[in-house]
PDB file of N, CA and C in Angstrom:
ATOM      1  N   MET A   1       0.854  -1.179   0.000  1.00  0.00           N
ATOM      2  CA  MET A   1       0.000   0.000   0.000  1.00  0.00           C
ATOM      3  C   MET A   1       0.894   1.234   0.000  1.00  0.00           C
ATOM      4  N   LYS A   2       0.499   2.220  -0.742  1.00  0.00           N
ATOM      5  CA  LYS A   2       1.260   3.457  -0.780  1.00  0.00           C
ATOM      6  C   LYS A   2       1.146   4.201   0.539  1.00  0.00           C
ATOM      7  N   ARG A   3       2.198   4.915   0.849  1.00  0.00           N
ATOM      8  CA  ARG A   3       2.229   5.648   2.116  1.00  0.00           C
ATOM      9  C   ARG A   3       1.168   6.735   2.177  1.00  0.00           C
ATOM     10  N   ALA A   4       0.852   7.354   1.062  1.00  0.00           N
ATOM     11  CA  ALA A   4      -0.205   8.375   1.063  1.00  0.00           C
ATOM     12  C   ALA A   4      -1.535   7.763   1.509  1.00  0.00           C
ATOM     13  N   GLU A   5      -1.797   6.548   1.085  1.00  0.00           N
ATOM     14  CA  GLU A   5      -3.036   5.875   1.501  1.00  0.00           C
ATOM     15  C   GLU A   5      -2.978   5.509   2.986  1.00  0.00           C
ATOM     16  N   LEU A   6      -1.813   5.093   3.460  1.00  0.00           N
ATOM     17  CA  LEU A   6      -1.660   4.810   4.882  1.00  0.00           C
ATOM     18  C   LEU A   6      -1.891   6.075   5.708  1.00  0.00           C
ATOM     19  N   ALA A   7      -1.404   7.209   5.203  1.00  0.00           N
ATOM     20  CA  ALA A   7      -1.629   8.480   5.896  1.00  0.00           C
ATOM     21  C   ALA A   7      -3.117   8.808   5.943  1.00  0.00           C
ATOM     22  N   ARG A   8      -3.800   8.662   4.814  1.00  0.00           N
ATOM     23  CA  ARG A   8      -5.240   8.933   4.772  1.00  0.00           C
ATOM     24  C   ARG A   8      -5.972   8.064   5.799  1.00  0.00           C
ATOM     25  N   GLU A   9      -5.607   6.806   5.878  1.00  0.00           N
ATOM     26  CA  GLU A   9      -6.241   5.895   6.832  1.00  0.00           C
ATOM     27  C   GLU A   9      -5.999   6.324   8.279  1.00  0.00           C
ATOM     28  N   LEU A  10      -4.819   6.907   8.549  1.00  0.00           N
ATOM     29  CA  LEU A  10      -4.527   7.403   9.892  1.00  0.00           C
ATOM     30  C   LEU A  10      -5.537   8.470  10.305  1.00  0.00           C
ATOM     31  N   TYR A  11      -5.792   9.437   9.433  1.00  0.00           N
ATOM     32  CA  TYR A  11      -6.735  10.517   9.751  1.00  0.00           C
ATOM     33  C   TYR A  11      -8.161   9.986   9.889  1.00  0.00           C
ATOM     34  N   GLU A  12      -8.528   9.044   9.039  1.00  0.00           N
ATOM     35  CA  GLU A  12      -9.863   8.458   9.135  1.00  0.00           C
ATOM     36  C   GLU A  12     -10.022   7.702  10.452  1.00  0.00           C
ATOM     37  N   ALA A  13      -8.974   6.981  10.868  1.00  0.00           N
ATOM     38  CA  ALA A  13      -9.020   6.257  12.141  1.00  0.00           C
ATOM     39  C   ALA A  13      -9.123   7.235  13.305  1.00  0.00           C
ATOM     40  N   PHE A  14      -8.426   8.361  13.226  1.00  0.00           N
ATOM     41  CA  PHE A  14      -8.521   9.384  14.275  1.00  0.00           C
ATOM     42  C   PHE A  14      -9.957   9.894  14.365  1.00  0.00           C
ATOM     43  N   ALA A  15     -10.555  10.198  13.214  1.00  0.00           N
ATOM     44  CA  ALA A  15     -11.934  10.712  13.201  1.00  0.00           C
ATOM     45  C   ALA A  15     -12.920   9.709  13.776  1.00  0.00           C
ATOM     46  N   GLU A  16     -12.654   8.429  13.549  1.00  0.00           N
ATOM     47  CA  GLU A  16     -13.537   7.370  14.048  1.00  0.00           C
ATOM     48  C   GLU A  16     -13.246   7.003  15.506  1.00  0.00           C
ATOM     49  N   GLY A  17     -12.126   7.489  16.030  1.00  0.00           N
ATOM     50  CA  GLY A  17     -11.726   7.088  17.377  1.00  0.00           C
ATOM     51  C   GLY A  17     -11.201   5.671  17.424  1.00  0.00           C
ATOM     52  N   ASN A  18     -10.642   5.202  16.309  1.00  0.00           N
ATOM     53  CA  ASN A  18     -10.153   3.832  16.195  1.00  0.00           C
ATOM     54  C   ASN A  18      -8.696   3.764  16.678  1.00  0.00           C
ATOM     55  N   ARG A  19      -8.525   3.725  17.977  1.00  0.00           N
ATOM     56  CA  ARG A  19      -7.181   3.741  18.566  1.00  0.00           C
ATOM     57  C   ARG A  19      -6.385   2.506  18.199  1.00  0.00           C
ATOM     58  N   ASP A  20      -7.023   1.348  18.081  1.00  0.00           N
ATOM     59  CA  ASP A  20      -6.300   0.133  17.713  1.00  0.00           C
ATOM     60  C   ASP A  20      -5.557   0.317  16.397  1.00  0.00           C
ATOM     61  N   HIS A  21      -6.220   0.920  15.412  1.00  0.00           N
ATOM     62  CA  HIS A  21      -5.577   1.151  14.115  1.00  0.00           C
ATOM     63  C   HIS A  21      -4.393   2.108  14.268  1.00  0.00           C
ATOM     64  N   VAL A  22      -4.596   3.191  14.997  1.00  0.00           N
ATOM     65  CA  VAL A  22      -3.535   4.188  15.169  1.00  0.00           C
ATOM     66  C   VAL A  22      -2.358   3.575  15.929  1.00  0.00           C
ATOM     67  N   GLU A  23      -2.627   2.767  16.937  1.00  0.00           N
ATOM     68  CA  GLU A  23      -1.561   2.090  17.683  1.00  0.00           C
ATOM     69  C   GLU A  23      -0.697   1.246  16.750  1.00  0.00           C
ATOM     70  N   ARG A  24      -1.342   0.570  15.790  1.00  0.00           N
ATOM     71  CA  ARG A  24      -0.607  -0.300  14.858  1.00  0.00           C
ATOM     72  C   ARG A  24       0.239   0.493  13.871  1.00  0.00           C
ATOM     73  N   VAL A  25      -0.208   1.657  13.465  1.00  0.00           N
ATOM     74  CA  VAL A  25       0.480   2.399  12.408  1.00  0.00           C
ATOM     75  C   VAL A  25       1.628   3.259  12.941  1.00  0.00           C
ATOM     76  N   LEU A  26       1.662   3.539  14.248  1.00  0.00           N
ATOM     77  CA  LEU A  26       2.736   4.346  14.826  1.00  0.00           C
ATOM     78  C   LEU A  26       3.838   3.439  15.371  1.00  0.00           C
ATOM     79  N   THR A  27       5.089   3.826  15.127  1.00  0.00           N
ATOM     80  CA  THR A  27       6.211   3.055  15.670  1.00  0.00           C
ATOM     81  C   THR A  27       6.258   3.221  17.195  1.00  0.00           C
ATOM     82  N   ASP A  28       6.952   2.314  17.852  1.00  0.00           N
ATOM     83  CA  ASP A  28       7.092   2.403  19.310  1.00  0.00           C
ATOM     84  C   ASP A  28       7.826   3.673  19.729  1.00  0.00           C
ATOM     85  N   ASP A  29       8.726   4.160  18.874  1.00  0.00           N
ATOM     86  CA  ASP A  29       9.497   5.369  19.202  1.00  0.00           C
ATOM     87  C   ASP A  29       8.941   6.613  18.482  1.00  0.00           C
ATOM     88  N   PHE A  30       7.666   6.585  18.153  1.00  0.00           N
ATOM     89  CA  PHE A  30       6.992   7.705  17.474  1.00  0.00           C
ATOM     90  C   PHE A  30       7.209   9.018  18.228  1.00  0.00           C
ATOM     91  N   ARG A  31       7.416  10.092  17.459  1.00  0.00           N
ATOM     92  CA  ARG A  31       7.558  11.447  18.008  1.00  0.00           C
ATOM     93  C   ARG A  31       6.547  12.347  17.311  1.00  0.00           C
ATOM     94  N   PHE A  32       5.970  13.276  18.072  1.00  0.00           N
ATOM     95  CA  PHE A  32       4.957  14.208  17.575  1.00  0.00           C
ATOM     96  C   PHE A  32       5.367  15.617  17.968  1.00  0.00           C
ATOM     97  N   SER A  33       5.330  16.536  17.014  1.00  0.00           N
ATOM     98  CA  SER A  33       5.649  17.932  17.312  1.00  0.00           C
ATOM     99  C   SER A  33       4.629  18.861  16.683  1.00  0.00           C
ATOM    100  N   SER A  34       4.224  19.846  17.458  1.00  0.00           N
ATOM    101  CA  SER A  34       3.397  20.953  16.987  1.00  0.00           C
ATOM    102  C   SER A  34       3.866  22.182  17.758  1.00  0.00           C
ATOM    103  N   PRO A  35       3.465  23.371  17.347  1.00  0.00           N
ATOM    104  CA  PRO A  35       3.948  24.563  18.068  1.00  0.00           C
ATOM    105  C   PRO A  35       3.738  24.518  19.587  1.00  0.00           C
ATOM    106  N   PRO A  36       2.570  24.109  20.088  1.00  0.00           N
ATOM    107  CA  PRO A  36       2.436  24.097  21.549  1.00  0.00           C
ATOM    108  C   PRO A  36       2.991  22.829  22.208  1.00  0.00           C
ATOM    109  N   ASP A  37       3.272  21.801  21.416  1.00  0.00           N
ATOM    110  CA  ASP A  37       3.705  20.509  21.958  1.00  0.00           C
ATOM    111  C   ASP A  37       4.910  19.971  21.193  1.00  0.00           C
ATOM    112  N   PRO A  38       6.073  20.587  21.353  1.00  0.00           N
ATOM    113  CA  PRO A  38       7.243  20.094  20.612  1.00  0.00           C
ATOM    114  C   PRO A  38       7.777  18.781  21.177  1.00  0.00           C
ATOM    115  N   ASP A  39       8.014  17.838  20.280  1.00  0.00           N
ATOM    116  CA  ASP A  39       8.717  16.594  20.576  1.00  0.00           C
ATOM    117  C   ASP A  39       8.071  15.733  21.660  1.00  0.00           C
ATOM    118  N   LEU A  40       6.780  15.481  21.513  1.00  0.00           N
ATOM    119  CA  LEU A  40       6.109  14.523  22.404  1.00  0.00           C
ATOM    120  C   LEU A  40       6.479  13.106  21.987  1.00  0.00           C
ATOM    121  N   ASP A  41       6.604  12.218  22.954  1.00  0.00           N
ATOM    122  CA  ASP A  41       6.772  10.808  22.623  1.00  0.00           C
ATOM    123  C   ASP A  41       5.392  10.201  22.358  1.00  0.00           C
ATOM    124  N   ARG A  42       5.377   8.922  22.090  1.00  0.00           N
ATOM    125  CA  ARG A  42       4.122   8.237  21.760  1.00  0.00           C
ATOM    126  C   ARG A  42       3.084   8.387  22.873  1.00  0.00           C
ATOM    127  N   ALA A  43       3.500   8.173  24.106  1.00  0.00           N
ATOM    128  CA  ALA A  43       2.571   8.310  25.237  1.00  0.00           C
ATOM    129  C   ALA A  43       2.074   9.745  25.351  1.00  0.00           C
ATOM    130  N   GLY A  44       2.959  10.698  25.124  1.00  0.00           N
ATOM    131  CA  GLY A  44       2.570  12.103  25.161  1.00  0.00           C
ATOM    132  C   GLY A  44       1.558  12.443  24.082  1.00  0.00           C
ATOM    133  N   TYR A  45       1.743  11.856  22.890  1.00  0.00           N
ATOM    134  CA  TYR A  45       0.785  12.063  21.799  1.00  0.00           C
ATOM    135  C   TYR A  45      -0.595  11.553  22.212  1.00  0.00           C
ATOM    136  N   PHE A  46      -0.654  10.327  22.728  1.00  0.00           N
ATOM    137  CA  PHE A  46      -1.953   9.779  23.100  1.00  0.00           C
ATOM    138  C   PHE A  46      -2.566  10.544  24.280  1.00  0.00           C
ATOM    139  N   GLY A  47      -1.738  11.026  25.178  1.00  0.00           N
ATOM    140  CA  GLY A  47      -2.258  11.796  26.303  1.00  0.00           C
ATOM    141  C   GLY A  47      -2.766  13.179  25.905  1.00  0.00           C
ATOM    142  N   ARG A  48      -2.072  13.821  24.993  1.00  0.00           N
ATOM    143  CA  ARG A  48      -2.396  15.202  24.613  1.00  0.00           C
ATOM    144  C   ARG A  48      -3.386  15.288  23.450  1.00  0.00           C
ATOM    145  N   CYS A  49      -3.195  14.453  22.432  1.00  0.00           N
ATOM    146  CA  CYS A  49      -3.977  14.577  21.196  1.00  0.00           C
ATOM    147  C   CYS A  49      -5.169  13.619  21.116  1.00  0.00           C
ATOM    148  N   TRP A  50      -5.012  12.442  21.649  1.00  0.00           N
ATOM    149  CA  TRP A  50      -6.061  11.431  21.467  1.00  0.00           C
ATOM    150  C   TRP A  50      -7.403  11.807  22.086  1.00  0.00           C
ATOM    151  N   PRO A  51      -7.480  12.561  23.177  1.00  0.00           N
ATOM    152  CA  PRO A  51      -8.791  12.928  23.711  1.00  0.00           C
ATOM    153  C   PRO A  51      -9.676  13.657  22.693  1.00  0.00           C
ATOM    154  N   GLY A  52      -9.092  14.222  21.649  1.00  0.00           N
ATOM    155  CA  GLY A  52      -9.887  14.887  20.610  1.00  0.00           C
ATOM    156  C   GLY A  52     -10.366  13.956  19.509  1.00  0.00           C
ATOM    157  N   ALA A  53      -9.985  12.688  19.558  1.00  0.00           N
ATOM    158  CA  ALA A  53     -10.355  11.736  18.508  1.00  0.00           C
ATOM    159  C   ALA A  53     -11.811  11.309  18.627  1.00  0.00           C
ATOM    160  N   GLY A  54     -12.366  10.882  17.493  1.00  0.00           N
ATOM    161  CA  GLY A  54     -13.700  10.301  17.482  1.00  0.00           C
ATOM    162  C   GLY A  54     -14.819  11.282  17.746  1.00  0.00           C
ATOM    163  N   ARG A  55     -14.621  12.514  17.385  1.00  0.00           N
ATOM    164  CA  ARG A  55     -15.647  13.531  17.623  1.00  0.00           C
ATOM    165  C   ARG A  55     -16.356  13.947  16.340  1.00  0.00           C
ATOM    166  N   GLY A  56     -16.407  13.049  15.385  1.00  0.00           N
ATOM    167  CA  GLY A  56     -17.137  13.324  14.150  1.00  0.00           C
ATOM    168  C   GLY A  56     -16.412  14.241  13.189  1.00  0.00           C
ATOM    169  N   GLN A  57     -15.079  14.329  13.317  1.00  0.00           N
ATOM    170  CA  GLN A  57     -14.334  15.137  12.376  1.00  0.00           C
ATOM    171  C   GLN A  57     -14.485  14.570  10.964  1.00  0.00           C
ATOM    172  N   ARG A  58     -14.433  15.452  10.012  1.00  0.00           N
ATOM    173  CA  ARG A  58     -14.422  15.046   8.604  1.00  0.00           C
ATOM    174  C   ARG A  58     -13.232  15.721   7.944  1.00  0.00           C
ATOM    175  N   PHE A  59     -12.391  14.936   7.293  1.00  0.00           N
ATOM    176  CA  PHE A  59     -11.191  15.451   6.650  1.00  0.00           C
ATOM    177  C   PHE A  59     -11.390  15.538   5.146  1.00  0.00           C
ATOM    178  N   GLU A  60     -11.034  16.670   4.579  1.00  0.00           N
ATOM    179  CA  GLU A  60     -10.972  16.847   3.130  1.00  0.00           C
ATOM    180  C   GLU A  60      -9.507  17.124   2.816  1.00  0.00           C
ATOM    181  N   PHE A  61      -8.896  16.253   2.022  1.00  0.00           N
ATOM    182  CA  PHE A  61      -7.473  16.348   1.751  1.00  0.00           C
ATOM    183  C   PHE A  61      -7.221  17.288   0.569  1.00  0.00           C
ATOM    184  N   VAL A  62      -6.459  18.334   0.826  1.00  0.00           N
ATOM    185  CA  VAL A  62      -6.094  19.316  -0.188  1.00  0.00           C
ATOM    186  C   VAL A  62      -4.795  18.887  -0.862  1.00  0.00           C
ATOM    187  N   ARG A  63      -3.839  18.394  -0.064  1.00  0.00           N
ATOM    188  CA  ARG A  63      -2.571  17.860  -0.556  1.00  0.00           C
ATOM    189  C   ARG A  63      -2.300  16.546   0.163  1.00  0.00           C
ATOM    190  N   LEU A  64      -1.777  15.601  -0.583  1.00  0.00           N
ATOM    191  CA  LEU A  64      -1.386  14.304  -0.031  1.00  0.00           C
ATOM    192  C   LEU A  64      -0.283  13.779  -0.947  1.00  0.00           C
ATOM    193  N   HIS A  65       0.957  14.168  -0.650  1.00  0.00           N
ATOM    194  CA  HIS A  65       2.080  13.887  -1.546  1.00  0.00           C
ATOM    195  C   HIS A  65       3.170  13.100  -0.833  1.00  0.00           C
ATOM    196  N   GLU A  66       3.606  12.040  -1.493  1.00  0.00           N
ATOM    197  CA  GLU A  66       4.736  11.263  -1.000  1.00  0.00           C
ATOM    198  C   GLU A  66       6.022  11.865  -1.537  1.00  0.00           C
ATOM    199  N   ILE A  67       6.970  12.118  -0.641  1.00  0.00           N
ATOM    200  CA  ILE A  67       8.282  12.624  -1.018  1.00  0.00           C
ATOM    201  C   ILE A  67       9.303  11.816  -0.223  1.00  0.00           C
ATOM    202  N   GLY A  68       9.907  10.857  -0.865  1.00  0.00           N
ATOM    203  CA  GLY A  68      10.836   9.971  -0.160  1.00  0.00           C
ATOM    204  C   GLY A  68      10.123   9.223   0.946  1.00  0.00           C
ATOM    205  N   ASP A  69      10.633   9.330   2.168  1.00  0.00           N
ATOM    206  CA  ASP A  69      10.044   8.652   3.326  1.00  0.00           C
ATOM    207  C   ASP A  69       8.972   9.493   4.005  1.00  0.00           C
ATOM    208  N   GLU A  70       8.592  10.606   3.400  1.00  0.00           N
ATOM    209  CA  GLU A  70       7.624  11.502   4.009  1.00  0.00           C
ATOM    210  C   GLU A  70       6.359  11.617   3.169  1.00  0.00           C
ATOM    211  N   VAL A  71       5.278  11.928   3.866  1.00  0.00           N
ATOM    212  CA  VAL A  71       4.017  12.283   3.209  1.00  0.00           C
ATOM    213  C   VAL A  71       3.636  13.661   3.732  1.00  0.00           C
ATOM    214  N   VAL A  72       3.446  14.592   2.803  1.00  0.00           N
ATOM    215  CA  VAL A  72       3.009  15.941   3.153  1.00  0.00           C
ATOM    216  C   VAL A  72       1.498  15.972   2.992  1.00  0.00           C
ATOM    217  N   VAL A  73       0.816  16.342   4.062  1.00  0.00           N
ATOM    218  CA  VAL A  73      -0.642  16.329   4.096  1.00  0.00           C
ATOM    219  C   VAL A  73      -1.146  17.727   4.460  1.00  0.00           C
ATOM    220  N   THR A  74      -1.971  18.287   3.598  1.00  0.00           N
ATOM    221  CA  THR A  74      -2.736  19.482   3.970  1.00  0.00           C
ATOM    222  C   THR A  74      -4.188  19.069   3.928  1.00  0.00           C
ATOM    223  N   TYR A  75      -4.896  19.367   5.000  1.00  0.00           N
ATOM    224  CA  TYR A  75      -6.302  18.980   5.058  1.00  0.00           C
ATOM    225  C   TYR A  75      -7.136  20.115   5.625  1.00  0.00           C
ATOM    226  N   GLU A  76      -8.400  20.073   5.250  1.00  0.00           N
ATOM    227  CA  GLU A  76      -9.404  20.915   5.887  1.00  0.00           C
ATOM    228  C   GLU A  76     -10.274  19.973   6.694  1.00  0.00           C
ATOM    229  N   MET A  77     -10.489  20.332   7.944  1.00  0.00           N
ATOM    230  CA  MET A  77     -11.213  19.457   8.847  1.00  0.00           C
ATOM    231  C   MET A  77     -12.453  20.159   9.367  1.00  0.00           C
ATOM    232  N   ALA A  78     -13.580  19.513   9.148  1.00  0.00           N
ATOM    233  CA  ALA A  78     -14.828  19.981   9.748  1.00  0.00           C
ATOM    234  C   ALA A  78     -14.878  19.389  11.144  1.00  0.00           C
ATOM    235  N   MET A  79     -15.139  20.245  12.131  1.00  0.00           N
ATOM    236  CA  MET A  79     -15.089  19.827  13.523  1.00  0.00           C
ATOM    237  C   MET A  79     -16.465  19.926  14.176  1.00  0.00           C
ATOM    238  N   GLY A  80     -17.473  19.452  13.465  1.00  0.00           N
ATOM    239  CA  GLY A  80     -18.824  19.495  14.009  1.00  0.00           C
ATOM    240  C   GLY A  80     -19.264  20.917  14.261  1.00  0.00           C
ATOM    241  N   ASP A  81     -19.765  21.177  15.453  1.00  0.00           N
ATOM    242  CA  ASP A  81     -20.248  22.519  15.788  1.00  0.00           C
ATOM    243  C   ASP A  81     -19.113  23.468  16.159  1.00  0.00           C
ATOM    244  N   ARG A  82     -17.861  22.989  16.110  1.00  0.00           N
ATOM    245  CA  ARG A  82     -16.713  23.842  16.440  1.00  0.00           C
ATOM    246  C   ARG A  82     -16.099  24.492  15.208  1.00  0.00           C
ATOM    247  N   GLY A  83     -16.710  24.338  14.043  1.00  0.00           N
ATOM    248  CA  GLY A  83     -16.230  25.003  12.841  1.00  0.00           C
ATOM    249  C   GLY A  83     -15.305  24.151  12.007  1.00  0.00           C
ATOM    250  N   ARG A  84     -14.478  24.841  11.203  1.00  0.00           N
ATOM    251  CA  ARG A  84     -13.558  24.171  10.283  1.00  0.00           C
ATOM    252  C   ARG A  84     -12.175  24.788  10.408  1.00  0.00           C
ATOM    253  N   GLY A  85     -11.173  23.970  10.164  1.00  0.00           N
ATOM    254  CA  GLY A  85      -9.801  24.443  10.205  1.00  0.00           C
ATOM    255  C   GLY A  85      -8.979  23.797   9.114  1.00  0.00           C
ATOM    256  N   ARG A  86      -7.788  24.330   8.912  1.00  0.00           N
ATOM    257  CA  ARG A  86      -6.876  23.812   7.887  1.00  0.00           C
ATOM    258  C   ARG A  86      -5.480  23.695   8.491  1.00  0.00           C
ATOM    259  N   ASN A  87      -4.860  22.525   8.331  1.00  0.00           N
ATOM    260  CA  ASN A  87      -3.510  22.264   8.830  1.00  0.00           C
ATOM    261  C   ASN A  87      -2.681  21.585   7.754  1.00  0.00           C
ATOM    262  N   THR A  88      -1.372  21.678   7.926  1.00  0.00           N
ATOM    263  CA  THR A  88      -0.430  20.904   7.120  1.00  0.00           C
ATOM    264  C   THR A  88       0.415  20.086   8.083  1.00  0.00           C
ATOM    265  N   GLU A  89       0.638  18.837   7.715  1.00  0.00           N
ATOM    266  CA  GLU A  89       1.438  17.939   8.537  1.00  0.00           C
ATOM    267  C   GLU A  89       2.432  17.202   7.651  1.00  0.00           C
ATOM    268  N   ILE A  90       3.577  16.906   8.219  1.00  0.00           N
ATOM    269  CA  ILE A  90       4.569  16.081   7.541  1.00  0.00           C
ATOM    270  C   ILE A  90       4.712  14.805   8.356  1.00  0.00           C
ATOM    271  N   LEU A  91       4.402  13.689   7.726  1.00  0.00           N
ATOM    272  CA  LEU A  91       4.500  12.381   8.368  1.00  0.00           C
ATOM    273  C   LEU A  91       5.727  11.674   7.822  1.00  0.00           C
ATOM    274  N   THR A  92       6.605  11.223   8.702  1.00  0.00           N
ATOM    275  CA  THR A  92       7.799  10.490   8.296  1.00  0.00           C
ATOM    276  C   THR A  92       7.566   9.012   8.558  1.00  0.00           C
ATOM    277  N   PHE A  93       7.853   8.212   7.552  1.00  0.00           N
ATOM    278  CA  PHE A  93       7.630   6.767   7.624  1.00  0.00           C
ATOM    279  C   PHE A  93       8.934   6.019   7.810  1.00  0.00           C
ATOM    280  N   ARG A  94       8.828   4.914   8.499  1.00  0.00           N
ATOM    281  CA  ARG A  94       9.850   3.886   8.554  1.00  0.00           C
ATOM    282  C   ARG A  94       9.122   2.614   8.151  1.00  0.00           C
ATOM    283  N   GLY A  95       9.379   2.151   6.949  1.00  0.00           N
ATOM    284  CA  GLY A  95       8.611   1.029   6.418  1.00  0.00           C
ATOM    285  C   GLY A  95       7.161   1.467   6.232  1.00  0.00           C
ATOM    286  N   ASP A  96       6.239   0.688   6.765  1.00  0.00           N
ATOM    287  CA  ASP A  96       4.808   1.007   6.659  1.00  0.00           C
ATOM    288  C   ASP A  96       4.256   1.651   7.918  1.00  0.00           C
ATOM    289  N   GLN A  97       5.140   2.130   8.785  1.00  0.00           N
ATOM    290  CA  GLN A  97       4.692   2.785  10.017  1.00  0.00           C
ATOM    291  C   GLN A  97       5.194   4.229  10.059  1.00  0.00           C
ATOM    292  N   ILE A  98       4.477   5.042  10.812  1.00  0.00           N
ATOM    293  CA  ILE A  98       4.830   6.448  10.968  1.00  0.00           C
ATOM    294  C   ILE A  98       5.691   6.590  12.218  1.00  0.00           C
ATOM    295  N   CYS A  99       6.857   7.214  12.054  1.00  0.00           N
ATOM    296  CA  CYS A  99       7.761   7.383  13.192  1.00  0.00           C
ATOM    297  C   CYS A  99       7.814   8.834  13.669  1.00  0.00           C
ATOM    298  N   ARG A 100       7.286   9.769  12.866  1.00  0.00           N
ATOM    299  CA  ARG A 100       7.311  11.181  13.269  1.00  0.00           C
ATOM    300  C   ARG A 100       6.181  11.933  12.582  1.00  0.00           C
ATOM    301  N   ALA A 101       5.585  12.859  13.327  1.00  0.00           N
ATOM    302  CA  ALA A 101       4.573  13.767  12.773  1.00  0.00           C
ATOM    303  C   ALA A 101       4.933  15.183  13.185  1.00  0.00           C
ATOM    304  N   GLU A 102       5.019  16.069  12.196  1.00  0.00           N
ATOM    305  CA  GLU A 102       5.244  17.493  12.438  1.00  0.00           C
ATOM    306  C   GLU A 102       3.979  18.219  11.997  1.00  0.00           C
ATOM    307  N   VAL A 103       3.371  18.963  12.897  1.00  0.00           N
ATOM    308  CA  VAL A 103       2.107  19.633  12.621  1.00  0.00           C
ATOM    309  C   VAL A 103       2.330  21.137  12.536  1.00  0.00           C
ATOM    310  N   TYR A 104       1.826  21.730  11.461  1.00  0.00           N
ATOM    311  CA  TYR A 104       1.873  23.172  11.269  1.00  0.00           C
ATOM    312  C   TYR A 104       0.443  23.654  11.170  1.00  0.00           C
ATOM    313  N   PHE A 105      -0.015  24.351  12.200  1.00  0.00           N
ATOM    314  CA  PHE A 105      -1.403  24.783  12.268  1.00  0.00           C
ATOM    315  C   PHE A 105      -1.688  25.800  11.173  1.00  0.00           C
ATOM    316  N   GLY A 106      -2.833  25.640  10.587  1.00  0.00           N
ATOM    317  CA  GLY A 106      -3.291  26.573   9.579  1.00  0.00           C
ATOM    318  C   GLY A 106      -4.154  27.638  10.194  1.00  0.00           C
ATOM    319  N   TRP A 107      -5.355  27.706   9.752  1.00  0.00           N
ATOM    320  CA  TRP A 107      -6.243  28.761  10.216  1.00  0.00           C
ATOM    321  C   TRP A 107      -7.654  28.243  10.346  1.00  0.00           C
ATOM    322  N   ASN A 108      -8.438  29.028  11.012  1.00  0.00           N
ATOM    323  CA  ASN A 108      -9.844  28.730  11.190  1.00  0.00           C
ATOM    324  C   ASN A 108     -10.574  29.132   9.913  1.00  0.00           C
ATOM    325  N   LEU A 109     -11.356  28.237   9.336  1.00  0.00           N
ATOM    326  CA  LEU A 109     -12.058  28.507   8.094  1.00  0.00           C
ATOM    327  C   LEU A 109     -13.506  28.879   8.299  1.00  0.00           C
ATOM    328  N   SER A 110     -13.942  28.957   9.526  1.00  0.00           N
ATOM    329  CA  SER A 110     -15.357  29.270   9.811  1.00  0.00           C
ATOM    330  C   SER A 110     -15.683  30.707   9.538  1.00  0.00           C
TER     331      SER A 110
END
């Protein structure tokens, strides 16, 4: 399976709250960085980010490009009654698993 498709499945699993799928796709040494949360480990990611999963988000992918071991993803996300936003993320793969996510917040589209 192409890495771009694996990335798409990651976001869909997040929207569904499917933690089992996300657990399988992230490496044990996964690292997550965003402006307010630089360099979280896997446990930090699940502690900080996972509580927002499964809330009926809908992702529309604007960019989904494989570049070497990375997938660059820009998406617009509908967040139910909380409006819409746009982010860009760079996912780094090791084999068929994601070992790093860098998040660059976009803007509120509401």
